[in-house]
């Protein structure tokens, strides 16, 4: 059995969609089955990241992990976009760091330094 998607329930659909698209750099899935103001899906490989409009969002009680080739490159790119980030640590060639989306959902980028 595989995970097909992760759904985050969000209040500010427009703002959170823009964050994942413009800040994180995720690509929208070409096949959007529902209106974008209610449900939005990103193409993130085998497991899709979905945003679902809700009056009571998840509120940061989960974390989404993104494996990346170079954690330093992602860290530097997000810093250039104006995010205030903690210094990145190199632990024997491996590293990770967390950020939060506009509604407090946590993302972790991890992999080789």
C-alpha atoms as a PDB file:
ATOM      1  CA  UNK A   1       0.000   0.000   0.000  1.00  0.00           C
ATOM      2  CA  UNK A   2       1.267   3.498  -0.857  1.00  0.00           C
ATOM      3  CA  UNK A   3       0.313   6.964   0.295  1.00  0.00           C
ATOM      4  CA  UNK A   4      -1.465   8.738  -2.553  1.00  0.00           C
ATOM      5  CA  UNK A   5      -1.714  12.219  -1.054  1.00  0.00           C
ATOM      6  CA  UNK A   6      -1.333  14.372   2.026  1.00  0.00           C
ATOM      7  CA  UNK A   7      -4.166  16.826   2.643  1.00  0.00           C
ATOM      8  CA  UNK A   8      -3.696  20.007   4.656  1.00  0.00           C
ATOM      9  CA  UNK A   9      -6.869  21.787   5.729  1.00  0.00           C
ATOM     10  CA  UNK A  10      -6.297  25.538   5.380  1.00  0.00           C
ATOM     11  CA  UNK A  11      -8.292  28.690   5.978  1.00  0.00           C
ATOM     12  CA  UNK A  12      -6.468  31.069   3.600  1.00  0.00           C
ATOM     13  CA  UNK A  13      -6.451  28.952   0.441  1.00  0.00           C
ATOM     14  CA  UNK A  14      -5.066  31.710  -1.781  1.00  0.00           C
ATOM     15  CA  UNK A  15      -2.203  32.612   0.566  1.00  0.00           C
ATOM     16  CA  UNK A  16      -1.173  29.031   1.366  1.00  0.00           C
ATOM     17  CA  UNK A  17      -1.357  28.010  -2.318  1.00  0.00           C
ATOM     18  CA  UNK A  18       0.912  30.947  -3.197  1.00  0.00           C
ATOM     19  CA  UNK A  19       3.346  29.954  -0.432  1.00  0.00           C
ATOM     20  CA  UNK A  20       3.783  26.391  -1.690  1.00  0.00           C
ATOM     21  CA  UNK A  21       3.947  27.512  -5.333  1.00  0.00           C
ATOM     22  CA  UNK A  22       5.994  30.732  -5.092  1.00  0.00           C
ATOM     23  CA  UNK A  23       8.126  30.248  -1.971  1.00  0.00           C
ATOM     24  CA  UNK A  24       8.645  26.474  -1.783  1.00  0.00           C
ATOM     25  CA  UNK A  25       8.575  26.066  -5.580  1.00  0.00           C
ATOM     26  CA  UNK A  26       6.067  23.222  -5.937  1.00  0.00           C
ATOM     27  CA  UNK A  27       4.389  22.785  -9.306  1.00  0.00           C
ATOM     28  CA  UNK A  28       0.570  22.631  -9.510  1.00  0.00           C
ATOM     29  CA  UNK A  29      -0.792  19.278 -10.671  1.00  0.00           C
ATOM     30  CA  UNK A  30      -2.109  19.702 -14.211  1.00  0.00           C
ATOM     31  CA  UNK A  31      -5.253  17.716 -13.444  1.00  0.00           C
ATOM     32  CA  UNK A  32      -7.194  19.786 -10.931  1.00  0.00           C
ATOM     33  CA  UNK A  33     -10.538  18.061 -10.367  1.00  0.00           C
ATOM     34  CA  UNK A  34     -12.160  20.701  -8.144  1.00  0.00           C
ATOM     35  CA  UNK A  35     -12.319  24.516  -8.065  1.00  0.00           C
ATOM     36  CA  UNK A  36      -8.981  25.972  -6.855  1.00  0.00           C
ATOM     37  CA  UNK A  37     -10.684  27.960  -4.076  1.00  0.00           C
ATOM     38  CA  UNK A  38     -11.888  24.658  -2.482  1.00  0.00           C
ATOM     39  CA  UNK A  39      -9.155  22.117  -3.280  1.00  0.00           C
ATOM     40  CA  UNK A  40      -5.703  22.447  -4.822  1.00  0.00           C
ATOM     41  CA  UNK A  41      -3.211  19.694  -5.647  1.00  0.00           C
ATOM     42  CA  UNK A  42       0.543  19.986  -6.197  1.00  0.00           C
ATOM     43  CA  UNK A  43       2.562  17.529  -8.257  1.00  0.00           C
ATOM     44  CA  UNK A  44       5.064  16.213  -5.730  1.00  0.00           C
ATOM     45  CA  UNK A  45       5.867  12.848  -7.256  1.00  0.00           C
ATOM     46  CA  UNK A  46       4.114   9.665  -6.213  1.00  0.00           C
ATOM     47  CA  UNK A  47       2.466  11.279  -3.189  1.00  0.00           C
ATOM     48  CA  UNK A  48       0.574  14.509  -3.941  1.00  0.00           C
ATOM     49  CA  UNK A  49       0.303  17.476  -1.579  1.00  0.00           C
ATOM     50  CA  UNK A  50      -3.297  18.711  -1.465  1.00  0.00           C
ATOM     51  CA  UNK A  51      -4.776  21.814   0.136  1.00  0.00           C
ATOM     52  CA  UNK A  52      -8.428  21.661   1.184  1.00  0.00           C
ATOM     53  CA  UNK A  53     -10.399  24.742   2.170  1.00  0.00           C
ATOM     54  CA  UNK A  54     -11.677  24.565   5.758  1.00  0.00           C
ATOM     55  CA  UNK A  55     -12.976  26.928   8.412  1.00  0.00           C
ATOM     56  CA  UNK A  56     -10.848  25.108  11.038  1.00  0.00           C
ATOM     57  CA  UNK A  57      -7.359  24.423   9.615  1.00  0.00           C
ATOM     58  CA  UNK A  58      -4.902  21.817  10.916  1.00  0.00           C
ATOM     59  CA  UNK A  59      -2.880  24.452  12.744  1.00  0.00           C
ATOM     60  CA  UNK A  60       0.608  22.999  12.403  1.00  0.00           C
ATOM     61  CA  UNK A  61       0.044  19.633  14.073  1.00  0.00           C
ATOM     62  CA  UNK A  62       1.961  17.781  11.370  1.00  0.00           C
ATOM     63  CA  UNK A  63       5.190  17.991   9.397  1.00  0.00           C
ATOM     64  CA  UNK A  64       5.798  17.324   5.704  1.00  0.00           C
ATOM     65  CA  UNK A  65       9.265  16.107   4.779  1.00  0.00           C
ATOM     66  CA  UNK A  66      10.871  16.986   1.463  1.00  0.00           C
ATOM     67  CA  UNK A  67      14.068  15.102   0.557  1.00  0.00           C
ATOM     68  CA  UNK A  68      16.349  17.375  -1.468  1.00  0.00           C
ATOM     69  CA  UNK A  69      19.729  16.932  -3.167  1.00  0.00           C
ATOM     70  CA  UNK A  70      21.317  19.948  -1.477  1.00  0.00           C
ATOM     71  CA  UNK A  71      19.838  21.254   1.757  1.00  0.00           C
ATOM     72  CA  UNK A  72      22.202  24.226   1.623  1.00  0.00           C
ATOM     73  CA  UNK A  73      20.945  25.207  -1.855  1.00  0.00           C
ATOM     74  CA  UNK A  74      17.298  25.097  -0.712  1.00  0.00           C
ATOM     75  CA  UNK A  75      18.166  26.983   2.493  1.00  0.00           C
ATOM     76  CA  UNK A  76      19.968  29.685   0.487  1.00  0.00           C
ATOM     77  CA  UNK A  77      17.096  29.971  -2.027  1.00  0.00           C
ATOM     78  CA  UNK A  78      14.468  30.385   0.708  1.00  0.00           C
ATOM     79  CA  UNK A  79      16.648  32.935   2.497  1.00  0.00           C
ATOM     80  CA  UNK A  80      16.818  34.985  -0.736  1.00  0.00           C
ATOM     81  CA  UNK A  81      12.993  34.971  -0.790  1.00  0.00           C
ATOM     82  CA  UNK A  82      12.991  36.807   2.535  1.00  0.00           C
ATOM     83  CA  UNK A  83      12.369  33.975   5.000  1.00  0.00           C
ATOM     84  CA  UNK A  84      14.208  34.284   8.292  1.00  0.00           C
ATOM     85  CA  UNK A  85      15.917  30.946   8.820  1.00  0.00           C
ATOM     86  CA  UNK A  86      18.132  29.477  11.502  1.00  0.00           C
ATOM     87  CA  UNK A  87      21.742  28.805  10.504  1.00  0.00           C
ATOM     88  CA  UNK A  88      22.129  25.509   8.687  1.00  0.00           C
ATOM     89  CA  UNK A  89      24.239  22.835  10.358  1.00  0.00           C
ATOM     90  CA  UNK A  90      26.276  20.216   8.537  1.00  0.00           C
ATOM     91  CA  UNK A  91      26.110  16.914  10.446  1.00  0.00           C
ATOM     92  CA  UNK A  92      28.595  14.600   8.681  1.00  0.00           C
ATOM     93  CA  UNK A  93      27.388  15.739   5.258  1.00  0.00           C
ATOM     94  CA  UNK A  94      23.680  15.561   6.165  1.00  0.00           C
ATOM     95  CA  UNK A  95      21.449  18.425   7.178  1.00  0.00           C
ATOM     96  CA  UNK A  96      17.821  19.459   7.612  1.00  0.00           C
ATOM     97  CA  UNK A  97      15.808  22.520   8.531  1.00  0.00           C
ATOM     98  CA  UNK A  98      12.168  23.359   9.138  1.00  0.00           C
ATOM     99  CA  UNK A  99       9.952  26.220   8.043  1.00  0.00           C
ATOM    100  CA  UNK A 100       6.243  26.894   8.530  1.00  0.00           C
ATOM    101  CA  UNK A 101       3.648  27.845   5.953  1.00  0.00           C
ATOM    102  CA  UNK A 102       1.343  30.846   6.560  1.00  0.00           C
ATOM    103  CA  UNK A 103      -1.007  28.714   8.717  1.00  0.00           C
ATOM    104  CA  UNK A 104       1.644  27.029  10.856  1.00  0.00           C
ATOM    105  CA  UNK A 105       1.984  23.725   8.996  1.00  0.00           C
ATOM    106  CA  UNK A 106       5.601  22.553   9.313  1.00  0.00           C
ATOM    107  CA  UNK A 107       7.846  21.570   6.395  1.00  0.00           C
ATOM    108  CA  UNK A 108      11.229  19.921   6.728  1.00  0.00           C
ATOM    109  CA  UNK A 109      13.881  19.858   3.998  1.00  0.00           C
ATOM    110  CA  UNK A 110      16.516  17.206   4.504  1.00  0.00           C
ATOM    111  CA  UNK A 111      19.314  15.439   2.697  1.00  0.00           C
ATOM    112  CA  UNK A 112      22.943  16.033   1.836  1.00  0.00           C
ATOM    113  CA  UNK A 113      24.411  19.318   3.015  1.00  0.00           C
END
